N, C-alpha and C. Protein backbone atom coordinates (compact mmCIF):
# COMPACT_ATOMS: atom_id res chain seq x y z
N MET A 1 46.37 92.34 256.94
CA MET A 1 45.74 93.51 256.38
C MET A 1 44.56 93.05 255.53
N LYS A 2 43.55 93.88 255.47
CA LYS A 2 42.38 93.62 254.63
C LYS A 2 42.20 94.79 253.68
N VAL A 3 41.73 94.50 252.48
CA VAL A 3 41.34 95.53 251.53
C VAL A 3 39.93 95.18 251.05
N ASN A 4 39.15 96.21 250.83
CA ASN A 4 37.79 96.03 250.34
C ASN A 4 37.79 96.16 248.83
N ILE A 5 37.33 95.14 248.14
CA ILE A 5 37.23 95.20 246.69
C ILE A 5 35.76 95.03 246.33
N CYS A 6 35.15 96.10 245.89
CA CYS A 6 33.73 96.09 245.52
C CYS A 6 32.87 95.54 246.65
N GLY A 7 33.18 95.95 247.88
CA GLY A 7 32.40 95.56 249.03
C GLY A 7 32.76 94.22 249.65
N ILE A 8 33.72 93.54 249.08
CA ILE A 8 34.14 92.23 249.60
C ILE A 8 35.51 92.37 250.26
N PRO A 9 35.60 92.08 251.56
CA PRO A 9 36.91 92.16 252.23
C PRO A 9 37.83 91.05 251.74
N HIS A 10 39.02 91.42 251.35
CA HIS A 10 40.05 90.48 250.92
C HIS A 10 41.21 90.55 251.90
N THR A 11 41.69 89.40 252.33
CA THR A 11 42.84 89.32 253.21
C THR A 11 44.11 89.38 252.36
N VAL A 12 45.04 90.24 252.77
CA VAL A 12 46.33 90.34 252.08
C VAL A 12 47.34 89.53 252.89
N ILE A 13 47.97 88.58 252.23
CA ILE A 13 48.92 87.67 252.87
C ILE A 13 50.27 87.82 252.19
N GLU A 14 51.33 87.93 252.99
CA GLU A 14 52.68 87.94 252.45
C GLU A 14 53.29 86.57 252.68
N LYS A 15 53.80 85.96 251.61
CA LYS A 15 54.43 84.65 251.72
C LYS A 15 55.83 84.70 251.14
N GLU A 16 56.73 83.98 251.79
CA GLU A 16 58.10 83.88 251.29
C GLU A 16 58.20 82.81 250.23
N ASP A 17 59.05 83.08 249.23
CA ASP A 17 59.36 82.09 248.19
C ASP A 17 58.12 81.50 247.54
N SER A 18 57.05 82.28 247.46
CA SER A 18 55.84 81.79 246.83
C SER A 18 55.79 82.08 245.34
N PHE A 19 56.68 82.96 244.89
CA PHE A 19 56.58 83.43 243.52
C PHE A 19 57.94 83.45 242.86
N ASP A 20 57.93 83.45 241.56
CA ASP A 20 59.15 83.51 240.77
C ASP A 20 59.31 84.93 240.25
N ALA A 21 60.13 85.73 240.91
CA ALA A 21 60.31 87.13 240.53
C ALA A 21 60.93 87.26 239.14
N VAL A 22 61.68 86.26 238.73
CA VAL A 22 62.29 86.31 237.40
C VAL A 22 61.20 86.34 236.33
N GLN A 23 60.12 85.64 236.59
CA GLN A 23 59.01 85.62 235.63
C GLN A 23 58.00 86.73 235.92
N LYS A 24 58.36 87.65 236.79
CA LYS A 24 57.54 88.81 237.13
C LYS A 24 56.23 88.44 237.81
N ASN A 25 56.18 87.29 238.42
CA ASN A 25 54.98 86.89 239.15
C ASN A 25 55.20 87.22 240.62
N LEU A 26 54.73 88.40 241.03
CA LEU A 26 55.00 88.88 242.38
C LEU A 26 53.79 88.79 243.30
N GLY A 27 52.65 88.43 242.75
CA GLY A 27 51.44 88.31 243.55
C GLY A 27 50.34 87.61 242.79
N MET A 28 49.26 87.33 243.52
CA MET A 28 48.09 86.72 242.88
C MET A 28 46.86 86.98 243.73
N ILE A 29 45.71 86.92 243.10
CA ILE A 29 44.45 87.07 243.81
C ILE A 29 43.66 85.78 243.65
N ASP A 30 43.08 85.33 244.75
CA ASP A 30 42.22 84.15 244.75
C ASP A 30 40.81 84.67 245.00
N TYR A 31 39.99 84.68 243.97
CA TYR A 31 38.65 85.26 244.06
C TYR A 31 37.75 84.45 245.00
N GLY A 32 37.86 83.15 244.97
CA GLY A 32 37.02 82.29 245.80
C GLY A 32 37.31 82.43 247.28
N LYS A 33 38.59 82.57 247.63
CA LYS A 33 38.99 82.71 249.03
C LYS A 33 39.02 84.17 249.47
N ALA A 34 38.87 85.09 248.53
CA ALA A 34 38.97 86.53 248.81
C ALA A 34 40.31 86.84 249.48
N GLU A 35 41.38 86.37 248.82
CA GLU A 35 42.74 86.57 249.32
C GLU A 35 43.64 87.14 248.23
N ILE A 36 44.55 87.98 248.66
CA ILE A 36 45.62 88.46 247.79
C ILE A 36 46.92 88.02 248.45
N VAL A 37 47.75 87.32 247.68
CA VAL A 37 49.03 86.85 248.20
C VAL A 37 50.13 87.63 247.48
N ILE A 38 51.07 88.14 248.28
CA ILE A 38 52.17 88.95 247.75
C ILE A 38 53.50 88.36 248.21
N ASN A 39 54.49 88.44 247.34
CA ASN A 39 55.82 87.94 247.65
C ASN A 39 56.43 88.76 248.79
N LYS A 40 56.66 88.10 249.91
CA LYS A 40 57.21 88.77 251.10
C LYS A 40 58.61 89.30 250.87
N ALA A 41 59.36 88.70 249.97
CA ALA A 41 60.75 89.09 249.72
C ALA A 41 60.88 90.39 248.93
N SER A 42 59.79 90.87 248.36
CA SER A 42 59.84 92.11 247.57
C SER A 42 60.05 93.30 248.48
N ASN A 43 60.64 94.37 247.90
CA ASN A 43 60.79 95.59 248.69
C ASN A 43 59.42 96.26 248.85
N PRO A 44 59.29 97.18 249.80
CA PRO A 44 57.98 97.78 250.09
C PRO A 44 57.31 98.46 248.89
N TYR A 45 58.10 99.09 248.02
CA TYR A 45 57.53 99.75 246.85
C TYR A 45 56.94 98.74 245.88
N ILE A 46 57.63 97.63 245.68
CA ILE A 46 57.13 96.58 244.80
C ILE A 46 55.89 95.93 245.40
N LYS A 47 55.88 95.74 246.72
CA LYS A 47 54.70 95.17 247.38
C LYS A 47 53.48 96.07 247.15
N GLN A 48 53.66 97.38 247.29
CA GLN A 48 52.54 98.30 247.10
C GLN A 48 52.06 98.27 245.66
N GLU A 49 53.00 98.25 244.72
CA GLU A 49 52.63 98.20 243.30
C GLU A 49 51.90 96.89 243.00
N THR A 50 52.39 95.80 243.55
CA THR A 50 51.76 94.50 243.34
C THR A 50 50.36 94.46 243.92
N LEU A 51 50.20 95.03 245.12
CA LEU A 51 48.87 95.08 245.73
C LEU A 51 47.90 95.85 244.84
N CYS A 52 48.31 96.99 244.32
CA CYS A 52 47.44 97.76 243.42
C CYS A 52 47.09 96.95 242.18
N HIS A 53 48.06 96.25 241.64
CA HIS A 53 47.85 95.41 240.46
C HIS A 53 46.78 94.35 240.75
N GLU A 54 46.91 93.67 241.87
CA GLU A 54 45.95 92.61 242.21
C GLU A 54 44.57 93.18 242.53
N ILE A 55 44.52 94.35 243.14
CA ILE A 55 43.23 95.00 243.39
C ILE A 55 42.53 95.31 242.08
N VAL A 56 43.28 95.78 241.08
CA VAL A 56 42.69 96.05 239.76
C VAL A 56 42.11 94.77 239.18
N HIS A 57 42.83 93.66 239.27
CA HIS A 57 42.27 92.38 238.81
C HIS A 57 40.93 92.13 239.50
N GLY A 58 40.91 92.30 240.83
CA GLY A 58 39.69 92.04 241.59
C GLY A 58 38.54 92.93 241.18
N ILE A 59 38.81 94.21 241.02
CA ILE A 59 37.75 95.15 240.61
C ILE A 59 37.18 94.74 239.26
N LEU A 60 38.05 94.46 238.31
CA LEU A 60 37.58 94.12 236.96
C LEU A 60 36.75 92.84 236.95
N VAL A 61 37.14 91.85 237.72
CA VAL A 61 36.36 90.61 237.78
C VAL A 61 35.01 90.87 238.43
N HIS A 62 35.00 91.64 239.50
CA HIS A 62 33.75 91.89 240.21
C HIS A 62 32.77 92.75 239.42
N ILE A 63 33.25 93.54 238.47
CA ILE A 63 32.33 94.32 237.64
C ILE A 63 32.02 93.60 236.33
N GLY A 64 32.46 92.35 236.24
CA GLY A 64 32.12 91.55 235.07
C GLY A 64 32.99 91.79 233.84
N ARG A 65 34.19 92.32 234.04
CA ARG A 65 35.08 92.58 232.92
C ARG A 65 36.29 91.66 232.97
N ASP A 66 36.01 90.35 232.96
CA ASP A 66 37.07 89.35 232.95
C ASP A 66 38.00 89.55 231.76
N ASP A 67 37.44 90.03 230.65
CA ASP A 67 38.26 90.26 229.46
C ASP A 67 39.38 91.25 229.75
N LEU A 68 39.06 92.33 230.45
CA LEU A 68 40.09 93.31 230.80
C LEU A 68 41.00 92.79 231.90
N SER A 69 40.45 91.99 232.82
CA SER A 69 41.26 91.43 233.89
C SER A 69 42.33 90.49 233.35
N ASN A 70 42.07 89.87 232.23
CA ASN A 70 43.04 88.95 231.62
C ASN A 70 44.09 89.67 230.78
N ASP A 71 43.92 90.97 230.59
CA ASP A 71 44.88 91.77 229.82
C ASP A 71 45.92 92.33 230.80
N GLU A 72 47.03 91.60 230.97
CA GLU A 72 48.06 91.98 231.96
C GLU A 72 48.67 93.34 231.67
N THR A 73 48.79 93.72 230.42
CA THR A 73 49.35 95.03 230.09
C THR A 73 48.43 96.13 230.60
N PHE A 74 47.14 95.98 230.38
CA PHE A 74 46.15 96.95 230.85
C PHE A 74 46.13 97.00 232.38
N VAL A 75 46.08 95.83 233.01
CA VAL A 75 46.04 95.77 234.48
C VAL A 75 47.29 96.40 235.08
N GLN A 76 48.44 96.12 234.51
CA GLN A 76 49.69 96.69 235.03
C GLN A 76 49.70 98.20 234.89
N ALA A 77 49.28 98.69 233.74
CA ALA A 77 49.27 100.14 233.51
C ALA A 77 48.30 100.83 234.47
N LEU A 78 47.11 100.30 234.65
CA LEU A 78 46.13 100.91 235.54
C LEU A 78 46.58 100.79 237.00
N GLY A 79 47.10 99.64 237.37
CA GLY A 79 47.62 99.45 238.73
C GLY A 79 48.74 100.43 239.05
N ASN A 80 49.66 100.61 238.10
CA ASN A 80 50.75 101.56 238.29
C ASN A 80 50.23 102.99 238.41
N ALA A 81 49.26 103.35 237.58
CA ALA A 81 48.70 104.70 237.63
C ALA A 81 48.04 104.96 238.98
N ILE A 82 47.28 103.99 239.47
CA ILE A 82 46.62 104.13 240.77
C ILE A 82 47.67 104.23 241.88
N ASN A 83 48.66 103.36 241.83
CA ASN A 83 49.71 103.37 242.85
C ASN A 83 50.45 104.70 242.87
N GLN A 84 50.82 105.21 241.70
CA GLN A 84 51.54 106.47 241.62
C GLN A 84 50.68 107.65 242.06
N THR A 85 49.39 107.58 241.78
CA THR A 85 48.48 108.66 242.17
C THR A 85 48.39 108.78 243.68
N PHE A 86 48.31 107.64 244.36
CA PHE A 86 48.12 107.67 245.81
C PHE A 86 49.42 107.57 246.60
N SER A 87 50.55 107.44 245.91
CA SER A 87 51.84 107.34 246.58
C SER A 87 52.48 108.70 246.83
N VAL A 88 52.02 109.73 246.17
CA VAL A 88 52.61 111.07 246.32
C VAL A 88 52.09 111.67 247.61
N LYS A 89 53.00 111.84 248.57
CA LYS A 89 52.60 112.33 249.89
C LYS A 89 53.50 113.48 250.31
N GLY A 90 52.93 114.64 250.45
CA GLY A 90 53.65 115.76 251.02
C GLY A 90 54.82 116.27 250.21
N GLU A 91 54.87 116.01 248.93
CA GLU A 91 55.96 116.53 248.12
C GLU A 91 55.75 118.02 247.88
N LYS A 92 56.84 118.78 247.95
CA LYS A 92 56.76 120.21 247.71
C LYS A 92 56.72 120.46 246.20
N GLU A 93 55.97 121.47 245.82
CA GLU A 93 55.87 121.80 244.40
C GLU A 93 57.06 122.58 243.95
C-alpha cells in the first residue's frame, strides 16, 4: 500500500516482530526511505490507528514542524482524532 504525505508517496510495510508492543511502539516512519512500517501482529484497528499516527509525524516533518512531530502526546491525539473521524462509516443516527 502507498500513502501520499505532502505529495510524497510513502510505502506502507507490515513486518512481524519488528516492534515491542509492551513499550507501545507499534510503527515508525522513515523519512529518507519514504516508508512507514507497522507491526503486522496488531489487529486491524490498531494498524489503522498506527498508520494515522505515523502519517501525522510525516505531515508535521514535511511542513517544518519537527517540534510538534517530536511531541508524542500531540501526535497521538491528532492521529486518533483523524482516525476516528474517517472510521465512522454508515452508522445510523
